[in-house]
């Protein structure tokens, strides 16, 4: 038994020496070429920072197109009702995310609603408004899912004070731009207590 243990230990030692040797680059002459083999354990893995700015055009489909046409032409927001669950989905979906049933009925929602969540952005991002600005999701009246949009008419110079006004559950109202193009920037949310005339997006 002692001899077997010693032989087994010797084999383990030999394997360990082989592994150590493989950690170094191996140079060998392959005919007229010099080949260098590197072990993955010492390979330097590089990183590179890159950015993509790709413009593209895509079809919105029947459901989304109808939704944005109503915003553009009539300053109204609609959802789609699932016939099985009765839920009104906003933004509208052609089928229910829960029952997988096709939605069948358009339902006007809002313009009032309650804040579900929000964030105040203080850092700049390409293609977005200059900071600070507030964005969040609002559960519009008669809807069962929340709609994303910007909050306006609130002083954001002090984020802590602004957050108190934008707290979850606060009532807001949807406002629409005078000139609308059928886009998410055609509307925004303001505190329901703030009475302001409809203005264009600045």
N, C-alpha and C. Protein backbone atom coordinates (compact mmCIF):
# COMPACT_ATOMS: atom_id res chain seq x y z
N UNK A 1 0.83 -1.21 0.00
CA UNK A 1 0.00 0.00 0.00
C UNK A 1 0.87 1.25 0.00
N UNK A 2 2.00 1.21 0.76
CA UNK A 2 2.88 2.37 0.82
C UNK A 2 3.47 2.68 -0.54
N UNK A 3 3.87 1.63 -1.27
CA UNK A 3 4.46 1.85 -2.60
C UNK A 3 3.43 2.45 -3.55
N UNK A 4 2.20 2.00 -3.46
CA UNK A 4 1.16 2.55 -4.33
C UNK A 4 0.92 4.02 -4.04
N UNK A 5 0.89 4.38 -2.74
CA UNK A 5 0.69 5.78 -2.39
C UNK A 5 1.82 6.64 -2.93
N UNK A 6 3.08 6.12 -2.79
CA UNK A 6 4.22 6.90 -3.27
C UNK A 6 4.16 7.08 -4.79
N UNK A 7 3.74 6.02 -5.50
CA UNK A 7 3.64 6.12 -6.96
C UNK A 7 2.56 7.11 -7.37
N UNK A 8 1.43 7.09 -6.64
CA UNK A 8 0.34 8.02 -6.94
C UNK A 8 0.77 9.45 -6.68
N UNK A 9 1.49 9.67 -5.57
CA UNK A 9 1.97 11.01 -5.25
C UNK A 9 2.96 11.49 -6.30
N UNK A 10 3.80 10.58 -6.78
CA UNK A 10 4.78 10.95 -7.82
C UNK A 10 4.07 11.37 -9.10
N UNK A 11 3.00 10.65 -9.45
CA UNK A 11 2.27 11.02 -10.66
C UNK A 11 1.63 12.40 -10.52
N UNK A 12 1.07 12.68 -9.33
CA UNK A 12 0.47 13.99 -9.11
C UNK A 12 1.52 15.09 -9.20
N UNK A 13 2.71 14.83 -8.64
CA UNK A 13 3.78 15.81 -8.72
C UNK A 13 4.18 16.08 -10.16
N UNK A 14 4.24 15.00 -10.96
CA UNK A 14 4.63 15.14 -12.36
C UNK A 14 3.59 15.97 -13.13
N UNK A 15 2.30 15.71 -12.85
CA UNK A 15 1.26 16.48 -13.51
C UNK A 15 1.34 17.95 -13.12
N UNK A 16 1.64 18.22 -11.84
CA UNK A 16 1.78 19.59 -11.38
C UNK A 16 2.91 20.30 -12.09
N UNK A 17 4.06 19.60 -12.28
CA UNK A 17 5.18 20.21 -13.00
C UNK A 17 4.81 20.50 -14.44
N UNK A 18 4.03 19.61 -15.06
CA UNK A 18 3.61 19.84 -16.44
C UNK A 18 2.69 21.05 -16.55
N UNK A 19 1.79 21.18 -15.56
CA UNK A 19 0.90 22.34 -15.59
C UNK A 19 1.69 23.63 -15.45
N UNK A 20 2.68 23.64 -14.56
CA UNK A 20 3.50 24.83 -14.38
C UNK A 20 4.24 25.18 -15.66
N UNK A 21 4.74 24.16 -16.33
CA UNK A 21 5.46 24.42 -17.58
C UNK A 21 4.54 25.03 -18.63
N UNK A 22 3.25 24.63 -18.65
CA UNK A 22 2.32 25.12 -19.65
C UNK A 22 1.93 26.58 -19.43
N UNK A 23 2.24 27.11 -18.24
CA UNK A 23 1.91 28.50 -17.98
C UNK A 23 2.82 29.47 -18.73
N UNK A 24 3.94 29.00 -19.25
CA UNK A 24 4.88 29.84 -19.99
C UNK A 24 4.69 29.65 -21.48
N UNK A 25 5.06 30.65 -22.29
CA UNK A 25 4.95 30.49 -23.73
C UNK A 25 5.89 29.42 -24.24
N UNK A 26 5.45 28.68 -25.24
CA UNK A 26 6.26 27.60 -25.81
C UNK A 26 6.70 28.03 -27.20
N UNK A 27 8.00 28.06 -27.41
CA UNK A 27 8.56 28.41 -28.71
C UNK A 27 9.01 27.12 -29.39
N UNK A 28 8.59 26.92 -30.64
CA UNK A 28 9.07 25.74 -31.35
C UNK A 28 9.24 26.08 -32.82
N UNK A 29 10.14 25.38 -33.45
CA UNK A 29 10.42 25.61 -34.86
C UNK A 29 9.62 24.62 -35.67
N UNK A 30 8.70 25.13 -36.51
CA UNK A 30 7.85 24.27 -37.32
C UNK A 30 8.23 24.47 -38.79
N UNK A 31 9.28 23.79 -39.24
CA UNK A 31 9.77 23.97 -40.60
C UNK A 31 10.40 25.34 -40.75
N UNK A 32 9.77 26.20 -41.56
CA UNK A 32 10.28 27.55 -41.79
C UNK A 32 9.57 28.58 -40.93
N UNK A 33 8.69 28.13 -40.04
CA UNK A 33 7.92 29.07 -39.23
C UNK A 33 8.26 28.90 -37.76
N UNK A 34 8.21 30.02 -37.03
CA UNK A 34 8.34 29.97 -35.58
C UNK A 34 6.95 30.09 -34.98
N UNK A 35 6.55 29.13 -34.19
CA UNK A 35 5.21 29.08 -33.63
C UNK A 35 5.29 29.34 -32.13
N UNK A 36 4.46 30.27 -31.64
CA UNK A 36 4.41 30.57 -30.21
C UNK A 36 3.05 30.16 -29.68
N UNK A 37 3.02 29.30 -28.71
CA UNK A 37 1.77 28.86 -28.10
C UNK A 37 1.66 29.46 -26.71
N UNK A 38 0.54 30.15 -26.46
CA UNK A 38 0.34 30.80 -25.17
C UNK A 38 -0.68 30.03 -24.36
N UNK A 39 -0.46 29.96 -23.08
CA UNK A 39 -1.45 29.36 -22.19
C UNK A 39 -2.52 30.40 -21.88
N UNK A 40 -3.78 29.95 -21.79
CA UNK A 40 -4.88 30.87 -21.48
C UNK A 40 -4.71 31.51 -20.11
N UNK A 41 -3.95 30.86 -19.23
CA UNK A 41 -3.80 31.37 -17.87
C UNK A 41 -3.00 32.66 -17.83
N UNK A 42 -2.19 32.95 -18.88
CA UNK A 42 -1.41 34.18 -18.88
C UNK A 42 -1.79 35.07 -20.05
N UNK A 43 -2.80 34.69 -20.82
CA UNK A 43 -3.23 35.50 -21.95
C UNK A 43 -3.81 36.82 -21.46
N UNK A 44 -3.39 37.94 -22.05
CA UNK A 44 -3.92 39.25 -21.71
C UNK A 44 -5.21 39.49 -22.48
N UNK A 45 -6.31 39.68 -21.79
CA UNK A 45 -7.61 39.91 -22.42
C UNK A 45 -7.84 41.42 -22.52
N UNK A 46 -7.99 41.91 -23.73
CA UNK A 46 -8.14 43.34 -23.97
C UNK A 46 -9.60 43.76 -23.98
N UNK A 47 -9.84 45.01 -23.67
CA UNK A 47 -11.18 45.60 -23.79
C UNK A 47 -11.07 46.84 -24.67
N UNK A 48 -12.17 47.19 -25.29
CA UNK A 48 -12.19 48.36 -26.16
C UNK A 48 -13.55 49.03 -26.04
N UNK A 49 -13.54 50.33 -25.83
CA UNK A 49 -14.79 51.09 -25.74
C UNK A 49 -15.19 51.57 -27.14
N UNK A 50 -16.40 51.23 -27.56
CA UNK A 50 -16.89 51.64 -28.87
C UNK A 50 -18.32 52.15 -28.74
N UNK A 51 -18.77 52.88 -29.73
CA UNK A 51 -20.15 53.37 -29.74
C UNK A 51 -20.74 53.19 -31.12
N UNK A 52 -22.06 52.95 -31.15
CA UNK A 52 -22.79 52.77 -32.39
C UNK A 52 -23.87 53.84 -32.48
N UNK A 53 -23.97 54.47 -33.62
CA UNK A 53 -25.02 55.46 -33.85
C UNK A 53 -25.65 55.13 -35.20
N UNK A 54 -26.69 54.31 -35.15
CA UNK A 54 -27.29 53.78 -36.37
C UNK A 54 -28.71 54.32 -36.52
N UNK A 55 -28.96 55.02 -37.60
CA UNK A 55 -30.31 55.47 -37.88
C UNK A 55 -31.05 54.44 -38.72
N UNK A 56 -32.30 54.19 -38.40
CA UNK A 56 -33.06 53.21 -39.16
C UNK A 56 -34.54 53.57 -39.11
N UNK A 57 -35.28 53.04 -40.04
CA UNK A 57 -36.72 53.28 -40.13
C UNK A 57 -37.44 51.94 -40.10
N UNK A 58 -38.51 51.86 -39.30
CA UNK A 58 -39.24 50.60 -39.20
C UNK A 58 -40.74 50.87 -39.13
N UNK A 59 -41.50 49.90 -39.52
CA UNK A 59 -42.96 50.02 -39.48
C UNK A 59 -43.46 49.84 -38.05
N UNK A 60 -44.39 50.68 -37.63
CA UNK A 60 -44.94 50.58 -36.28
C UNK A 60 -46.00 49.50 -36.15
N UNK A 61 -46.57 49.08 -37.26
CA UNK A 61 -47.65 48.10 -37.19
C UNK A 61 -49.00 48.77 -37.00
N UNK A 62 -50.06 48.01 -37.17
CA UNK A 62 -51.41 48.58 -37.12
C UNK A 62 -51.76 49.16 -35.75
N UNK A 63 -51.47 48.42 -34.69
CA UNK A 63 -51.88 48.85 -33.35
C UNK A 63 -51.17 50.12 -32.93
N UNK A 64 -49.85 50.14 -33.02
CA UNK A 64 -49.08 51.33 -32.61
C UNK A 64 -49.37 52.51 -33.52
N UNK A 65 -49.56 52.25 -34.82
CA UNK A 65 -49.86 53.35 -35.75
C UNK A 65 -51.17 54.03 -35.37
N UNK A 66 -52.22 53.25 -35.09
CA UNK A 66 -53.51 53.83 -34.71
C UNK A 66 -53.37 54.63 -33.43
N UNK A 67 -52.61 54.11 -32.47
CA UNK A 67 -52.37 54.78 -31.20
C UNK A 67 -51.76 56.16 -31.41
N UNK A 68 -50.70 56.25 -32.21
CA UNK A 68 -50.02 57.52 -32.42
C UNK A 68 -50.81 58.47 -33.31
N UNK A 69 -51.61 57.94 -34.22
CA UNK A 69 -52.47 58.80 -35.05
C UNK A 69 -53.49 59.51 -34.17
N UNK A 70 -54.05 58.82 -33.18
CA UNK A 70 -55.02 59.45 -32.27
C UNK A 70 -54.36 60.55 -31.44
N UNK A 71 -53.12 60.32 -31.04
CA UNK A 71 -52.39 61.37 -30.32
C UNK A 71 -52.14 62.56 -31.24
N UNK A 72 -51.68 62.28 -32.45
CA UNK A 72 -51.34 63.35 -33.39
C UNK A 72 -52.56 64.16 -33.83
N UNK A 73 -53.64 63.47 -34.18
CA UNK A 73 -54.79 64.15 -34.79
C UNK A 73 -55.85 64.59 -33.80
N UNK A 74 -55.93 63.93 -32.64
CA UNK A 74 -57.04 64.20 -31.73
C UNK A 74 -56.60 64.48 -30.29
N UNK A 75 -55.29 64.42 -30.00
CA UNK A 75 -54.79 64.67 -28.64
C UNK A 75 -55.49 63.77 -27.62
N UNK A 76 -55.59 62.49 -27.96
CA UNK A 76 -56.21 61.52 -27.05
C UNK A 76 -55.34 60.26 -26.98
N UNK A 77 -55.42 59.59 -25.82
CA UNK A 77 -54.65 58.37 -25.61
C UNK A 77 -55.62 57.20 -25.45
N UNK A 78 -55.33 56.13 -26.15
CA UNK A 78 -56.19 54.94 -26.12
C UNK A 78 -55.37 53.72 -25.72
N UNK A 79 -56.08 52.77 -25.10
CA UNK A 79 -55.52 51.46 -24.82
C UNK A 79 -56.35 50.38 -25.50
N UNK A 80 -55.89 49.15 -25.41
CA UNK A 80 -56.62 48.02 -26.00
C UNK A 80 -57.04 47.07 -24.88
N UNK A 81 -58.30 46.61 -24.96
CA UNK A 81 -58.85 45.74 -23.92
C UNK A 81 -58.69 44.27 -24.31
N UNK A 82 -58.28 43.47 -23.32
CA UNK A 82 -58.24 42.02 -23.49
C UNK A 82 -59.63 41.47 -23.19
N UNK A 83 -60.26 40.75 -24.11
CA UNK A 83 -61.63 40.26 -23.89
C UNK A 83 -61.71 39.20 -22.79
N UNK A 84 -60.62 38.54 -22.52
CA UNK A 84 -60.64 37.47 -21.52
C UNK A 84 -60.47 38.00 -20.10
N UNK A 85 -59.50 38.89 -19.90
CA UNK A 85 -59.23 39.40 -18.56
C UNK A 85 -59.91 40.74 -18.29
N UNK A 86 -60.26 41.47 -19.35
CA UNK A 86 -60.86 42.78 -19.18
C UNK A 86 -59.84 43.89 -18.97
N UNK A 87 -58.56 43.56 -18.91
CA UNK A 87 -57.51 44.55 -18.69
C UNK A 87 -57.38 45.46 -19.91
N UNK A 88 -57.14 46.75 -19.63
CA UNK A 88 -56.89 47.73 -20.70
C UNK A 88 -55.39 48.00 -20.73
N UNK A 89 -54.77 47.68 -21.84
CA UNK A 89 -53.31 47.75 -21.95
C UNK A 89 -52.89 49.05 -22.62
N UNK A 90 -52.03 49.80 -21.92
CA UNK A 90 -51.49 51.06 -22.42
C UNK A 90 -49.98 51.07 -22.15
N UNK A 91 -49.15 51.30 -23.17
CA UNK A 91 -49.47 51.45 -24.58
C UNK A 91 -50.21 50.21 -25.10
N UNK A 92 -50.97 50.36 -26.16
CA UNK A 92 -51.80 49.23 -26.63
C UNK A 92 -50.96 48.10 -27.19
N UNK A 93 -51.42 46.88 -26.95
CA UNK A 93 -50.79 45.69 -27.54
C UNK A 93 -51.83 44.99 -28.41
N UNK A 94 -51.36 44.30 -29.41
CA UNK A 94 -52.29 43.56 -30.27
C UNK A 94 -52.76 42.28 -29.61
N UNK A 95 -52.03 41.85 -28.55
CA UNK A 95 -52.47 40.68 -27.78
C UNK A 95 -52.08 40.89 -26.33
N UNK A 96 -52.74 40.19 -25.42
CA UNK A 96 -52.49 40.35 -23.99
C UNK A 96 -51.19 39.67 -23.59
N UNK A 97 -50.40 40.35 -22.77
CA UNK A 97 -49.15 39.78 -22.30
C UNK A 97 -49.37 38.68 -21.25
N UNK A 98 -50.58 38.59 -20.70
CA UNK A 98 -50.87 37.58 -19.68
C UNK A 98 -51.69 36.41 -20.23
N UNK A 99 -52.74 36.70 -20.98
CA UNK A 99 -53.60 35.62 -21.48
C UNK A 99 -53.23 35.18 -22.89
N UNK A 100 -52.42 36.02 -23.59
CA UNK A 100 -52.04 35.77 -24.98
C UNK A 100 -53.22 35.84 -25.94
N UNK A 101 -54.35 36.37 -25.45
CA UNK A 101 -55.53 36.55 -26.30
C UNK A 101 -55.39 37.83 -27.12
N UNK A 102 -55.85 37.85 -28.37
CA UNK A 102 -55.85 39.09 -29.15
C UNK A 102 -56.74 40.14 -28.49
N UNK A 103 -56.27 41.38 -28.43
CA UNK A 103 -57.10 42.46 -27.90
C UNK A 103 -58.08 42.90 -28.99
N UNK A 104 -59.25 43.34 -28.57
CA UNK A 104 -60.32 43.54 -29.56
C UNK A 104 -60.98 44.91 -29.50
N UNK A 105 -60.75 45.68 -28.45
CA UNK A 105 -61.53 46.92 -28.27
C UNK A 105 -60.61 48.07 -27.88
N UNK A 106 -60.80 49.22 -28.55
CA UNK A 106 -60.07 50.43 -28.19
C UNK A 106 -60.81 51.15 -27.06
N UNK A 107 -60.06 51.60 -26.04
CA UNK A 107 -60.65 52.28 -24.89
C UNK A 107 -59.88 53.58 -24.64
N UNK A 108 -60.59 54.69 -24.60
CA UNK A 108 -59.93 55.96 -24.29
C UNK A 108 -59.57 55.99 -22.81
N UNK A 109 -58.36 56.44 -22.50
CA UNK A 109 -57.89 56.49 -21.11
C UNK A 109 -57.41 57.91 -20.80
N UNK A 110 -57.26 58.18 -19.47
CA UNK A 110 -56.80 59.50 -19.07
C UNK A 110 -57.90 60.55 -19.25
N UNK A 111 -57.55 61.82 -19.30
CA UNK A 111 -56.17 62.32 -19.29
C UNK A 111 -55.51 62.31 -17.91
N UNK A 112 -56.29 62.09 -16.85
CA UNK A 112 -55.72 62.05 -15.52
C UNK A 112 -55.13 60.69 -15.19
N UNK A 113 -54.32 60.65 -14.15
CA UNK A 113 -53.74 59.39 -13.72
C UNK A 113 -52.89 59.57 -12.47
N UNK A 114 -52.25 58.48 -12.04
CA UNK A 114 -51.41 58.52 -10.84
C UNK A 114 -50.00 58.04 -11.17
N UNK A 115 -49.02 58.67 -10.52
CA UNK A 115 -47.62 58.31 -10.74
C UNK A 115 -47.35 56.93 -10.16
N UNK A 116 -46.79 56.05 -10.99
CA UNK A 116 -46.39 54.72 -10.55
C UNK A 116 -44.92 54.69 -10.15
N UNK A 117 -44.09 55.38 -10.92
CA UNK A 117 -42.66 55.46 -10.63
C UNK A 117 -42.08 56.64 -11.39
N UNK A 118 -40.92 57.13 -10.94
CA UNK A 118 -40.31 58.28 -11.63
C UNK A 118 -38.81 58.30 -11.34
N UNK A 119 -38.09 59.05 -12.15
CA UNK A 119 -36.67 59.30 -11.91
C UNK A 119 -36.35 60.71 -12.36
N UNK A 120 -35.41 61.34 -11.69
CA UNK A 120 -34.93 62.67 -12.07
C UNK A 120 -33.53 62.49 -12.64
N UNK A 121 -33.35 62.85 -13.89
CA UNK A 121 -32.09 62.62 -14.59
C UNK A 121 -31.26 63.90 -14.54
N UNK A 122 -30.03 63.78 -14.05
CA UNK A 122 -29.14 64.94 -13.92
C UNK A 122 -27.92 64.85 -14.82
N UNK A 123 -27.77 63.76 -15.54
CA UNK A 123 -26.64 63.58 -16.44
C UNK A 123 -27.12 63.61 -17.89
N UNK A 124 -26.31 64.15 -18.80
CA UNK A 124 -26.75 64.25 -20.20
C UNK A 124 -26.65 62.91 -20.93
N UNK A 125 -27.60 62.67 -21.82
CA UNK A 125 -27.60 61.50 -22.70
C UNK A 125 -27.91 61.98 -24.12
N UNK A 126 -27.25 61.40 -25.08
CA UNK A 126 -27.48 61.78 -26.47
C UNK A 126 -28.94 61.51 -26.85
N UNK A 127 -29.49 62.40 -27.65
CA UNK A 127 -30.85 62.35 -28.20
C UNK A 127 -31.93 62.62 -27.14
N UNK A 128 -31.55 62.88 -25.89
CA UNK A 128 -32.53 63.16 -24.84
C UNK A 128 -32.45 64.63 -24.43
N UNK A 129 -33.47 65.15 -23.75
CA UNK A 129 -33.45 66.56 -23.36
C UNK A 129 -32.26 66.90 -22.46
N UNK A 130 -31.93 68.18 -22.42
CA UNK A 130 -30.85 68.62 -21.53
C UNK A 130 -31.30 68.44 -20.07
N UNK A 131 -30.43 67.91 -19.21
CA UNK A 131 -30.80 67.73 -17.81
C UNK A 131 -30.83 69.08 -17.09
N UNK A 132 -31.54 69.14 -15.95
CA UNK A 132 -32.29 68.02 -15.36
C UNK A 132 -33.68 67.87 -15.98
N UNK A 133 -34.16 66.65 -15.99
CA UNK A 133 -35.53 66.39 -16.42
C UNK A 133 -36.05 65.17 -15.67
N UNK A 134 -37.36 65.06 -15.63
CA UNK A 134 -37.99 63.95 -14.90
C UNK A 134 -38.77 63.08 -15.88
N UNK A 135 -38.62 61.79 -15.70
CA UNK A 135 -39.33 60.81 -16.54
C UNK A 135 -39.91 59.75 -15.61
N UNK A 136 -41.05 59.20 -16.01
CA UNK A 136 -41.64 58.16 -15.17
C UNK A 136 -42.80 57.47 -15.86
N UNK A 137 -43.50 56.66 -15.09
CA UNK A 137 -44.65 55.91 -15.62
C UNK A 137 -45.90 56.30 -14.83
N UNK A 138 -46.97 56.50 -15.58
CA UNK A 138 -48.24 56.95 -15.00
C UNK A 138 -49.33 55.94 -15.35
N UNK A 139 -50.10 55.54 -14.34
CA UNK A 139 -51.26 54.69 -14.57
C UNK A 139 -52.45 55.61 -14.84
N UNK A 140 -52.79 55.75 -16.11
CA UNK A 140 -53.88 56.64 -16.50
C UNK A 140 -55.23 56.07 -16.07
N UNK A 141 -56.18 56.95 -15.84
CA UNK A 141 -57.54 56.52 -15.47
C UNK A 141 -58.10 55.59 -16.55
N UNK A 142 -58.71 54.49 -16.10
CA UNK A 142 -59.32 53.46 -16.95
C UNK A 142 -58.29 52.53 -17.61
N UNK A 143 -57.01 52.66 -17.25
CA UNK A 143 -55.97 51.78 -17.78
C UNK A 143 -55.50 50.82 -16.69
N UNK A 144 -54.94 49.70 -17.11
CA UNK A 144 -54.41 48.71 -16.16
C UNK A 144 -52.90 48.57 -16.25
N UNK A 145 -52.27 49.23 -17.20
CA UNK A 145 -50.81 49.25 -17.29
C UNK A 145 -50.37 50.69 -17.45
N UNK A 146 -49.14 50.98 -17.03
CA UNK A 146 -48.67 52.36 -16.98
C UNK A 146 -48.01 52.80 -18.28
N UNK A 147 -48.11 54.09 -18.55
CA UNK A 147 -47.55 54.70 -19.76
C UNK A 147 -46.38 55.59 -19.37
N UNK A 148 -45.28 55.47 -20.08
CA UNK A 148 -44.10 56.27 -19.81
C UNK A 148 -44.18 57.65 -20.44
N UNK A 149 -43.59 58.65 -19.79
CA UNK A 149 -43.57 59.99 -20.34
C UNK A 149 -42.77 60.93 -19.45
N UNK A 150 -42.54 62.13 -19.95
CA UNK A 150 -41.81 63.14 -19.19
C UNK A 150 -42.77 63.91 -18.28
N UNK A 151 -42.20 64.43 -17.18
CA UNK A 151 -42.95 65.31 -16.27
C UNK A 151 -42.47 66.74 -16.51
N UNK A 152 -43.42 67.66 -16.60
CA UNK A 152 -43.06 69.06 -16.80
C UNK A 152 -43.80 69.93 -15.80
N UNK A 153 -43.37 71.21 -15.75
CA UNK A 153 -44.00 72.16 -14.84
C UNK A 153 -43.55 72.02 -13.41
N UNK A 154 -42.42 71.36 -13.18
CA UNK A 154 -41.91 71.14 -11.82
C UNK A 154 -40.49 71.68 -11.74
N UNK A 155 -40.18 72.41 -10.69
CA UNK A 155 -38.83 72.93 -10.48
C UNK A 155 -37.92 71.78 -10.07
N UNK A 156 -36.93 71.48 -10.92
CA UNK A 156 -36.03 70.35 -10.66
C UNK A 156 -34.66 70.79 -10.16
N UNK A 157 -34.52 72.08 -9.81
CA UNK A 157 -33.22 72.57 -9.34
C UNK A 157 -32.81 71.91 -8.04
N UNK A 158 -33.79 71.52 -7.23
CA UNK A 158 -33.53 70.78 -5.99
C UNK A 158 -34.22 69.42 -6.13
N UNK A 159 -33.47 68.36 -6.50
CA UNK A 159 -34.08 67.05 -6.73
C UNK A 159 -34.86 66.51 -5.54
N UNK A 160 -34.40 66.80 -4.33
CA UNK A 160 -35.10 66.29 -3.14
C UNK A 160 -36.50 66.89 -3.03
N UNK A 161 -36.60 68.20 -3.24
CA UNK A 161 -37.91 68.85 -3.17
C UNK A 161 -38.80 68.41 -4.33
N UNK A 162 -38.18 68.24 -5.51
CA UNK A 162 -38.96 67.80 -6.66
C UNK A 162 -39.51 66.40 -6.44
N UNK A 163 -38.71 65.54 -5.80
CA UNK A 163 -39.14 64.16 -5.54
C UNK A 163 -40.35 64.13 -4.61
N UNK A 164 -40.44 65.10 -3.69
CA UNK A 164 -41.61 65.15 -2.81
C UNK A 164 -42.88 65.44 -3.60
N UNK A 165 -42.76 66.26 -4.63
CA UNK A 165 -43.94 66.58 -5.45
C UNK A 165 -44.29 65.43 -6.39
N UNK A 166 -43.28 64.64 -6.77
CA UNK A 166 -43.50 63.55 -7.72
C UNK A 166 -43.67 62.20 -7.03
N UNK A 167 -43.99 62.21 -5.76
CA UNK A 167 -44.06 60.95 -5.02
C UNK A 167 -45.11 60.00 -5.62
N UNK A 168 -44.91 58.72 -5.39
CA UNK A 168 -45.79 57.69 -5.94
C UNK A 168 -47.23 57.93 -5.49
N UNK A 169 -48.14 57.83 -6.43
CA UNK A 169 -49.56 58.02 -6.12
C UNK A 169 -50.07 59.42 -6.38
N UNK A 170 -49.15 60.36 -6.66
CA UNK A 170 -49.57 61.74 -6.93
C UNK A 170 -50.39 61.81 -8.22
N UNK A 171 -51.46 62.59 -8.19
CA UNK A 171 -52.31 62.76 -9.36
C UNK A 171 -51.63 63.69 -10.37
N UNK A 172 -51.67 63.29 -11.64
CA UNK A 172 -51.14 64.11 -12.72
C UNK A 172 -52.17 64.14 -13.85
N UNK A 173 -51.93 65.02 -14.82
CA UNK A 173 -52.80 65.12 -15.99
C UNK A 173 -51.93 65.13 -17.24
N UNK A 174 -52.43 64.56 -18.30
CA UNK A 174 -51.70 64.53 -19.57
C UNK A 174 -51.90 65.83 -20.32
N UNK A 175 -50.80 66.41 -20.80
CA UNK A 175 -50.84 67.60 -21.64
C UNK A 175 -50.33 67.24 -23.03
N UNK A 176 -50.83 67.95 -24.04
CA UNK A 176 -50.44 67.67 -25.42
C UNK A 176 -49.84 68.92 -26.07
N UNK A 177 -48.86 68.70 -26.92
CA UNK A 177 -48.26 69.80 -27.66
C UNK A 177 -49.24 70.33 -28.70
N UNK A 178 -49.09 71.60 -29.04
CA UNK A 178 -49.96 72.19 -30.07
C UNK A 178 -49.66 71.56 -31.44
N UNK A 179 -48.38 71.40 -31.73
CA UNK A 179 -47.97 70.78 -32.98
C UNK A 179 -47.52 69.36 -32.68
N UNK A 180 -48.23 68.40 -33.20
CA UNK A 180 -47.94 67.00 -32.89
C UNK A 180 -47.57 66.24 -34.16
N UNK A 181 -46.66 65.29 -33.99
CA UNK A 181 -46.15 64.54 -35.14
C UNK A 181 -46.44 63.04 -35.05
N UNK A 182 -47.11 62.61 -33.97
CA UNK A 182 -47.32 61.18 -33.78
C UNK A 182 -46.11 60.54 -33.14
N UNK A 183 -45.68 61.11 -32.02
CA UNK A 183 -44.44 60.70 -31.36
C UNK A 183 -44.64 60.73 -29.85
N UNK A 184 -43.72 60.08 -29.12
CA UNK A 184 -43.83 60.06 -27.65
C UNK A 184 -43.62 61.44 -27.04
N UNK A 185 -43.03 62.37 -27.80
CA UNK A 185 -42.83 63.72 -27.28
C UNK A 185 -44.04 64.61 -27.51
N UNK A 186 -45.10 64.07 -28.08
CA UNK A 186 -46.33 64.84 -28.31
C UNK A 186 -47.10 65.09 -27.02
N UNK A 187 -46.76 64.36 -25.96
CA UNK A 187 -47.49 64.52 -24.70
C UNK A 187 -46.51 64.45 -23.54
N UNK A 188 -46.95 64.93 -22.39
CA UNK A 188 -46.17 64.85 -21.16
C UNK A 188 -47.16 64.91 -20.00
N UNK A 189 -46.64 64.82 -18.78
CA UNK A 189 -47.49 64.84 -17.58
C UNK A 189 -47.16 66.04 -16.71
N UNK A 190 -48.20 66.62 -16.13
CA UNK A 190 -48.04 67.69 -15.16
C UNK A 190 -48.87 67.36 -13.92
N UNK A 191 -48.49 67.98 -12.81
CA UNK A 191 -49.28 67.79 -11.59
C UNK A 191 -50.70 68.25 -11.86
N UNK A 192 -51.66 67.49 -11.39
CA UNK A 192 -53.07 67.81 -11.65
C UNK A 192 -53.47 69.16 -11.08
N UNK A 193 -52.77 69.60 -10.05
CA UNK A 193 -53.11 70.88 -9.42
C UNK A 193 -52.59 72.06 -10.22
N UNK A 194 -51.69 71.80 -11.16
CA UNK A 194 -51.11 72.89 -11.96
C UNK A 194 -51.99 73.15 -13.18
N UNK A 195 -52.51 74.35 -13.30
CA UNK A 195 -53.34 74.72 -14.44
C UNK A 195 -52.48 75.51 -15.42
N UNK A 196 -52.22 74.89 -16.57
CA UNK A 196 -51.40 75.57 -17.57
C UNK A 196 -52.02 75.38 -18.95
N UNK A 197 -51.78 76.33 -19.83
CA UNK A 197 -52.26 76.21 -21.21
C UNK A 197 -51.38 75.21 -21.94
N UNK A 198 -51.91 74.61 -22.99
CA UNK A 198 -51.14 73.68 -23.80
C UNK A 198 -50.01 74.44 -24.49
N UNK A 199 -48.79 73.89 -24.38
CA UNK A 199 -47.62 74.54 -24.99
C UNK A 199 -46.85 73.52 -25.79
N UNK A 200 -45.97 74.00 -26.67
CA UNK A 200 -45.16 73.10 -27.48
C UNK A 200 -43.96 72.61 -26.70
N UNK A 201 -43.39 71.50 -27.16
CA UNK A 201 -42.17 70.95 -26.54
C UNK A 201 -41.00 71.88 -26.82
N UNK A 202 -40.28 72.27 -25.78
CA UNK A 202 -39.16 73.21 -25.95
C UNK A 202 -37.89 72.44 -26.28
